[in-house]
């Protein structure tokens, strides 16, 4: 099943990595994930899960099986932050890429911008010696409750993340794929 384009996506990569084999693998994985997320049946499940009061775990449940079985991600991989003892840090998902890198996949919903979870996810990838790429999934539009006004986390997160990929502002995060659901 295919739908009209309903996902939003922004790819950001440091200049020196834009043509690297790592980035090619990252983009291939992102493309497969995007195709799955953009299917009509998946979009219906995401729409039904993205309601006031829902958690990011409800969004994750929509694609968990696909991410693990088809794309090779590990759910809440442990040991990635052992350098930071007692930190309790774990990604939502992790996938090894090449010999010394990987992708952290994080899913946010209600706290994306209110609690700066977009920055926390970026920072986690920045300090993780096992990952240099981040997939960040955030709502295009968010309603915290049925009577409140909506916010636009994808747009805000795009503005937050873009400066990190301008020369002179580089971090250990070589590339970011921002998905808006």
Foldseek 3Di string as FASTA:
>chain_A
DADDQDKDKDKFFAPVCPPPPQVVLVVVLVVVVSRVCRHPVLVVQQVVQQAAPHFLVSNCVSCVCCCCPVVPKDAFDPDQVVVPPPPPDTARIWDATPDWAIEGEHEGEDCVPVVVVLVVQVVVQLPGRRHQEYEYEYACWHDNHDPDDIDGSLVVSCVVPRVCRDPPNDTSNRMYMYMHD
